[in-house]
PDB file of all heavy atoms in Angstrom:
ATOM      1  N   ARG A   1      -5.354  -6.353  12.730  1.00  0.00           N
ATOM      2  CA  ARG A   1      -5.002  -7.719  13.210  1.00  0.00           C
ATOM      3  C   ARG A   1      -4.862  -8.639  12.081  1.00  0.00           C
ATOM      4  O   ARG A   1      -3.985  -9.552  12.038  1.00  0.00           O
ATOM      5  CB  ARG A   1      -5.911  -8.193  14.229  1.00  0.00           C
ATOM      6  CG  ARG A   1      -5.779  -7.536  15.645  1.00  0.00           C
ATOM      7  CD  ARG A   1      -6.479  -8.276  16.798  1.00  0.00           C
ATOM      8  NE  ARG A   1      -7.897  -8.305  16.562  1.00  0.00           N
ATOM      9  CZ  ARG A   1      -8.793  -7.440  17.008  1.00  0.00           C
ATOM     10  NH1 ARG A   1      -8.239  -6.380  17.640  1.00  0.00           N
ATOM     11  NH2 ARG A   1     -10.080  -7.453  16.762  1.00  0.00           N
ATOM     12  N   GLU A   2      -5.743  -8.583  11.071  1.00  0.00           N
ATOM     13  CA  GLU A   2      -5.718  -9.544   9.980  1.00  0.00           C
ATOM     14  C   GLU A   2      -4.421  -9.153   9.105  1.00  0.00           C
ATOM     15  O   GLU A   2      -3.833 -10.110   8.564  1.00  0.00           O
ATOM     16  CB  GLU A   2      -6.877  -9.146   9.017  1.00  0.00           C
ATOM     17  CG  GLU A   2      -8.269  -9.679   9.553  1.00  0.00           C
ATOM     18  CD  GLU A   2      -9.253  -9.525   8.616  1.00  0.00           C
ATOM     19  OE1 GLU A   2      -9.094  -9.077   7.449  1.00  0.00           O
ATOM     20  OE2 GLU A   2     -10.543  -9.607   8.936  1.00  0.00           O
ATOM     21  N   LEU A   3      -3.990  -7.979   9.143  1.00  0.00           N
ATOM     22  CA  LEU A   3      -2.846  -7.608   8.351  1.00  0.00           C
ATOM     23  C   LEU A   3      -1.469  -7.880   9.185  1.00  0.00           C
ATOM     24  O   LEU A   3      -0.380  -7.664   8.673  1.00  0.00           O
ATOM     25  CB  LEU A   3      -2.840  -6.098   8.072  1.00  0.00           C
ATOM     26  CG  LEU A   3      -3.883  -5.703   7.001  1.00  0.00           C
ATOM     27  CD1 LEU A   3      -4.000  -4.274   6.930  1.00  0.00           C
ATOM     28  CD2 LEU A   3      -3.664  -6.367   5.640  1.00  0.00           C
ATOM     29  N   GLY A   4      -1.652  -8.364  10.463  1.00  0.00           N
ATOM     30  CA  GLY A   4      -0.444  -8.694  11.344  1.00  0.00           C
ATOM     31  C   GLY A   4       0.189  -7.459  11.905  1.00  0.00           C
ATOM     32  O   GLY A   4       1.373  -7.457  12.197  1.00  0.00           O
ATOM     33  N   ARG A   5      -0.660  -6.375  12.032  1.00  0.00           N
ATOM     34  CA  ARG A   5      -0.105  -5.098  12.651  1.00  0.00           C
ATOM     35  C   ARG A   5      -0.972  -4.700  13.808  1.00  0.00           C
ATOM     36  O   ARG A   5      -2.204  -5.078  13.890  1.00  0.00           O
ATOM     37  CB  ARG A   5      -0.250  -3.979  11.542  1.00  0.00           C
ATOM     38  CG  ARG A   5       0.683  -4.210  10.348  1.00  0.00           C
ATOM     39  CD  ARG A   5       2.172  -4.070  10.679  1.00  0.00           C
ATOM     40  NE  ARG A   5       3.007  -4.012   9.580  1.00  0.00           N
ATOM     41  CZ  ARG A   5       3.473  -5.121   8.945  1.00  0.00           C
ATOM     42  NH1 ARG A   5       3.165  -6.334   9.408  1.00  0.00           N
ATOM     43  NH2 ARG A   5       4.198  -5.016   7.952  1.00  0.00           N
ATOM     44  N   SER A   6      -0.429  -4.173  14.780  1.00  0.00           N
ATOM     45  CA  SER A   6      -0.997  -3.631  15.978  1.00  0.00           C
ATOM     46  C   SER A   6      -0.897  -2.124  16.181  1.00  0.00           C
ATOM     47  O   SER A   6      -1.619  -1.631  17.063  1.00  0.00           O
ATOM     48  CB  SER A   6      -0.443  -4.346  17.206  1.00  0.00           C
ATOM     49  OG  SER A   6       0.941  -4.080  17.434  1.00  0.00           O
ATOM     50  N   ALA A   7      -0.010  -1.459  15.309  1.00  0.00           N
ATOM     51  CA  ALA A   7       0.127  -0.067  15.574  1.00  0.00           C
ATOM     52  C   ALA A   7       0.070   0.642  14.187  1.00  0.00           C
ATOM     53  O   ALA A   7       0.372  -0.005  13.191  1.00  0.00           O
ATOM     54  CB  ALA A   7       1.434   0.288  16.305  1.00  0.00           C
ATOM     55  N   ILE A   8      -0.197   1.917  14.167  1.00  0.00           N
ATOM     56  CA  ILE A   8      -0.135   2.600  12.864  1.00  0.00           C
ATOM     57  C   ILE A   8       1.102   3.531  12.904  1.00  0.00           C
ATOM     58  O   ILE A   8       1.698   3.783  13.983  1.00  0.00           O
ATOM     59  CB  ILE A   8      -1.435   3.407  12.773  1.00  0.00           C
ATOM     60  CG1 ILE A   8      -1.687   4.396  13.976  1.00  0.00           C
ATOM     61  CG2 ILE A   8      -2.548   2.559  12.570  1.00  0.00           C
ATOM     62  CD1 ILE A   8      -2.840   5.321  13.837  1.00  0.00           C
ATOM     63  N   PRO A   9       1.591   4.031  11.689  1.00  0.00           N
ATOM     64  CA  PRO A   9       0.842   4.051  10.449  1.00  0.00           C
ATOM     65  C   PRO A   9       0.993   2.583   9.751  1.00  0.00           C
ATOM     66  O   PRO A   9       2.028   1.928   9.911  1.00  0.00           O
ATOM     67  CB  PRO A   9       1.565   5.030   9.670  1.00  0.00           C
ATOM     68  CG  PRO A   9       2.970   5.172  10.174  1.00  0.00           C
ATOM     69  CD  PRO A   9       2.783   4.847  11.694  1.00  0.00           C
ATOM     70  N   VAL A  10      -0.102   2.259   9.051  1.00  0.00           N
ATOM     71  CA  VAL A  10      -0.082   1.186   8.081  1.00  0.00           C
ATOM     72  C   VAL A  10      -0.681   1.580   6.839  1.00  0.00           C
ATOM     73  O   VAL A  10      -1.716   2.159   6.735  1.00  0.00           O
ATOM     74  CB  VAL A  10      -0.875  -0.069   8.678  1.00  0.00           C
ATOM     75  CG1 VAL A  10      -1.014  -1.153   7.758  1.00  0.00           C
ATOM     76  CG2 VAL A  10      -0.205  -0.443   9.981  1.00  0.00           C
ATOM     77  N   ASN A  11       0.030   1.301   5.716  1.00  0.00           N
ATOM     78  CA  ASN A  11      -0.433   1.695   4.351  1.00  0.00           C
ATOM     79  C   ASN A  11      -0.376   0.374   3.493  1.00  0.00           C
ATOM     80  O   ASN A  11       0.577  -0.293   3.444  1.00  0.00           O
ATOM     81  CB  ASN A  11       0.452   2.765   3.736  1.00  0.00           C
ATOM     82  CG  ASN A  11       0.377   4.022   4.515  1.00  0.00           C
ATOM     83  OD1 ASN A  11      -0.540   4.863   4.328  1.00  0.00           O
ATOM     84  ND2 ASN A  11       1.306   4.254   5.437  1.00  0.00           N
ATOM     85  N   VAL A  12      -1.537   0.178   2.839  1.00  0.00           N
ATOM     86  CA  VAL A  12      -1.715  -1.045   2.038  1.00  0.00           C
ATOM     87  C   VAL A  12      -2.120  -0.725   0.683  1.00  0.00           C
ATOM     88  O   VAL A  12      -3.000   0.044   0.375  1.00  0.00           O
ATOM     89  CB  VAL A  12      -2.670  -1.988   2.758  1.00  0.00           C
ATOM     90  CG1 VAL A  12      -2.749  -3.308   2.049  1.00  0.00           C
ATOM     91  CG2 VAL A  12      -2.352  -2.247   4.132  1.00  0.00           C
ATOM     92  N   LEU A  13      -1.544  -1.396  -0.367  1.00  0.00           N
ATOM     93  CA  LEU A  13      -1.803  -1.196  -1.781  1.00  0.00           C
ATOM     94  C   LEU A  13      -2.431  -2.626  -2.132  1.00  0.00           C
ATOM     95  O   LEU A  13      -1.962  -3.637  -2.117  1.00  0.00           O
ATOM     96  CB  LEU A  13      -0.634  -1.057  -2.614  1.00  0.00           C
ATOM     97  CG  LEU A  13      -0.927  -0.891  -4.179  1.00  0.00           C
ATOM     98  CD1 LEU A  13      -1.868   0.299  -4.472  1.00  0.00           C
ATOM     99  CD2 LEU A  13       0.433  -0.794  -4.861  1.00  0.00           C
ATOM    100  N   TYR A  14      -3.700  -2.460  -2.679  1.00  0.00           N
ATOM    101  CA  TYR A  14      -4.505  -3.667  -3.235  1.00  0.00           C
ATOM    102  C   TYR A  14      -4.602  -3.411  -4.685  1.00  0.00           C
ATOM    103  O   TYR A  14      -5.051  -2.533  -5.219  1.00  0.00           O
ATOM    104  CB  TYR A  14      -5.898  -3.733  -2.652  1.00  0.00           C
ATOM    105  CG  TYR A  14      -6.003  -3.876  -1.036  1.00  0.00           C
ATOM    106  CD1 TYR A  14      -6.045  -2.758  -0.300  1.00  0.00           C
ATOM    107  CD2 TYR A  14      -6.106  -5.144  -0.666  1.00  0.00           C
ATOM    108  CE1 TYR A  14      -6.089  -3.000   1.047  1.00  0.00           C
ATOM    109  CE2 TYR A  14      -6.195  -5.256   0.818  1.00  0.00           C
ATOM    110  CZ  TYR A  14      -6.155  -4.233   1.567  1.00  0.00           C
ATOM    111  OH  TYR A  14      -6.352  -4.388   3.064  1.00  0.00           O
ATOM    112  N   VAL A  15      -4.025  -4.388  -5.405  1.00  0.00           N
ATOM    113  CA  VAL A  15      -4.160  -4.501  -6.871  1.00  0.00           C
ATOM    114  C   VAL A  15      -4.808  -5.792  -7.316  1.00  0.00           C
ATOM    115  O   VAL A  15      -4.347  -6.762  -6.840  1.00  0.00           O
ATOM    116  CB  VAL A  15      -2.657  -4.435  -7.492  1.00  0.00           C
ATOM    117  CG1 VAL A  15      -2.797  -4.536  -8.998  1.00  0.00           C
ATOM    118  CG2 VAL A  15      -1.920  -3.164  -7.125  1.00  0.00           C
ATOM    119  N   PRO A  16      -5.898  -5.741  -8.017  1.00  0.00           N
ATOM    120  CA  PRO A  16      -6.597  -6.912  -8.410  1.00  0.00           C
ATOM    121  C   PRO A  16      -5.682  -7.975  -9.014  1.00  0.00           C
ATOM    122  O   PRO A  16      -4.892  -7.666  -9.892  1.00  0.00           O
ATOM    123  CB  PRO A  16      -7.617  -6.378  -9.445  1.00  0.00           C
ATOM    124  CG  PRO A  16      -7.842  -5.025  -9.063  1.00  0.00           C
ATOM    125  CD  PRO A  16      -6.491  -4.512  -8.606  1.00  0.00           C
ATOM    126  N   GLY A  17      -5.787  -9.297  -8.508  1.00  0.00           N
ATOM    127  CA  GLY A  17      -4.958 -10.382  -9.104  1.00  0.00           C
ATOM    128  C   GLY A  17      -3.566 -10.515  -8.353  1.00  0.00           C
ATOM    129  O   GLY A  17      -2.825 -11.310  -8.766  1.00  0.00           O
ATOM    130  N   LYS A  18      -3.254  -9.584  -7.489  1.00  0.00           N
ATOM    131  CA  LYS A  18      -2.077  -9.544  -6.694  1.00  0.00           C
ATOM    132  C   LYS A  18      -2.223  -9.572  -5.207  1.00  0.00           C
ATOM    133  O   LYS A  18      -3.364  -9.259  -4.716  1.00  0.00           O
ATOM    134  CB  LYS A  18      -1.179  -8.414  -7.088  1.00  0.00           C
ATOM    135  CG  LYS A  18      -0.764  -8.367  -8.536  1.00  0.00           C
ATOM    136  CD  LYS A  18       0.272  -7.109  -8.746  1.00  0.00           C
ATOM    137  CE  LYS A  18       0.596  -7.058 -10.204  1.00  0.00           C
ATOM    138  NZ  LYS A  18       1.534  -5.925 -10.486  1.00  0.00           N
ATOM    139  N   GLU A  19      -1.247 -10.036  -4.442  1.00  0.00           N
ATOM    140  CA  GLU A  19      -1.344  -9.996  -3.063  1.00  0.00           C
ATOM    141  C   GLU A  19      -1.139  -8.617  -2.494  1.00  0.00           C
ATOM    142  O   GLU A  19      -0.441  -7.775  -3.156  1.00  0.00           O
ATOM    143  CB  GLU A  19      -0.179 -10.899  -2.397  1.00  0.00           C
ATOM    144  CG  GLU A  19      -0.364 -12.334  -2.576  1.00  0.00           C
ATOM    145  CD  GLU A  19      -1.503 -12.887  -1.846  1.00  0.00           C
ATOM    146  OE1 GLU A  19      -1.697 -12.507  -0.590  1.00  0.00           O
ATOM    147  OE2 GLU A  19      -2.234 -13.666  -2.399  1.00  0.00           O
ATOM    148  N   PRO A  20      -1.906  -8.229  -1.410  1.00  0.00           N
ATOM    149  CA  PRO A  20      -1.794  -6.827  -0.863  1.00  0.00           C
ATOM    150  C   PRO A  20      -0.300  -6.484  -0.552  1.00  0.00           C
ATOM    151  O   PRO A  20       0.428  -7.436  -0.055  1.00  0.00           O
ATOM    152  CB  PRO A  20      -2.608  -6.911   0.338  1.00  0.00           C
ATOM    153  CG  PRO A  20      -3.573  -7.999   0.165  1.00  0.00           C
ATOM    154  CD  PRO A  20      -2.885  -9.063  -0.651  1.00  0.00           C
ATOM    155  N   VAL A  21       0.168  -5.345  -0.788  1.00  0.00           N
ATOM    156  CA  VAL A  21       1.493  -4.889  -0.400  1.00  0.00           C
ATOM    157  C   VAL A  21       1.364  -3.978   0.776  1.00  0.00           C
ATOM    158  O   VAL A  21       0.730  -2.874   0.721  1.00  0.00           O
ATOM    159  CB  VAL A  21       2.121  -4.136  -1.639  1.00  0.00           C
ATOM    160  CG1 VAL A  21       3.539  -3.616  -1.230  1.00  0.00           C
ATOM    161  CG2 VAL A  21       2.167  -5.019  -2.843  1.00  0.00           C
ATOM    162  N   ILE A  22       2.019  -4.329   1.898  1.00  0.00           N
ATOM    163  CA  ILE A  22       1.992  -3.540   3.100  1.00  0.00           C
ATOM    164  C   ILE A  22       3.354  -2.692   3.003  1.00  0.00           C
ATOM    165  O   ILE A  22       4.525  -3.304   2.958  1.00  0.00           O
ATOM    166  CB  ILE A  22       2.028  -4.258   4.363  1.00  0.00           C
ATOM    167  CG1 ILE A  22       0.717  -5.172   4.355  1.00  0.00           C
ATOM    168  CG2 ILE A  22       2.040  -3.369   5.642  1.00  0.00           C
ATOM    169  CD1 ILE A  22       0.494  -6.092   5.610  1.00  0.00           C
ATOM    170  N   THR A  23       3.234  -1.332   3.157  1.00  0.00           N
ATOM    171  CA  THR A  23       4.482  -0.510   3.025  1.00  0.00           C
ATOM    172  C   THR A  23       5.186  -0.425   4.357  1.00  0.00           C
ATOM    173  O   THR A  23       4.658  -0.701   5.327  1.00  0.00           O
ATOM    174  CB  THR A  23       3.977   0.906   2.634  1.00  0.00           C
ATOM    175  OG1 THR A  23       3.371   1.552   3.723  1.00  0.00           O
ATOM    176  CG2 THR A  23       3.134   0.914   1.439  1.00  0.00           C
ATOM    177  N   PRO A  24       6.481   0.150   4.339  1.00  0.00           N
ATOM    178  CA  PRO A  24       7.212   0.354   5.635  1.00  0.00           C
ATOM    179  C   PRO A  24       6.379   1.452   6.370  1.00  0.00           C
ATOM    180  O   PRO A  24       5.479   2.153   5.763  1.00  0.00           O
ATOM    181  CB  PRO A  24       8.564   0.941   5.148  1.00  0.00           C
ATOM    182  CG  PRO A  24       8.649   0.434   3.762  1.00  0.00           C
ATOM    183  CD  PRO A  24       7.310   0.350   3.135  1.00  0.00           C
ATOM    184  N   GLU A  25       6.680   1.702   7.588  1.00  0.00           N
ATOM    185  CA  GLU A  25       6.067   2.702   8.444  1.00  0.00           C
ATOM    186  C   GLU A  25       6.304   4.176   7.901  1.00  0.00           C
ATOM    187  O   GLU A  25       5.445   5.011   7.823  1.00  0.00           O
ATOM    188  CB  GLU A  25       6.475   2.561   9.927  1.00  0.00           C
ATOM    189  CG  GLU A  25       5.785   1.335  10.495  1.00  0.00           C
ATOM    190  CD  GLU A  25       6.057   1.283  12.118  1.00  0.00           C
ATOM    191  OE1 GLU A  25       6.831   2.121  12.544  1.00  0.00           O
ATOM    192  OE2 GLU A  25       5.582   0.407  12.698  1.00  0.00           O
ATOM    193  N   VAL A  26       7.584   4.335   7.589  1.00  0.00           N
ATOM    194  CA  VAL A  26       7.979   5.726   7.267  1.00  0.00           C
ATOM    195  C   VAL A  26       8.073   5.703   5.656  1.00  0.00           C
ATOM    196  O   VAL A  26       8.770   4.899   5.080  1.00  0.00           O
ATOM    197  CB  VAL A  26       9.412   6.126   7.731  1.00  0.00           C
ATOM    198  CG1 VAL A  26       9.710   7.453   7.325  1.00  0.00           C
ATOM    199  CG2 VAL A  26       9.325   6.092   9.362  1.00  0.00           C
TER     200      VAL A  26
END
């Protein structure tokens, strides 16, 4: 919910100093 998603798949890349990157579903 924090990521604005309600269904999976959800993949997230966290890099220090940058905003999290949420990938496409496929």
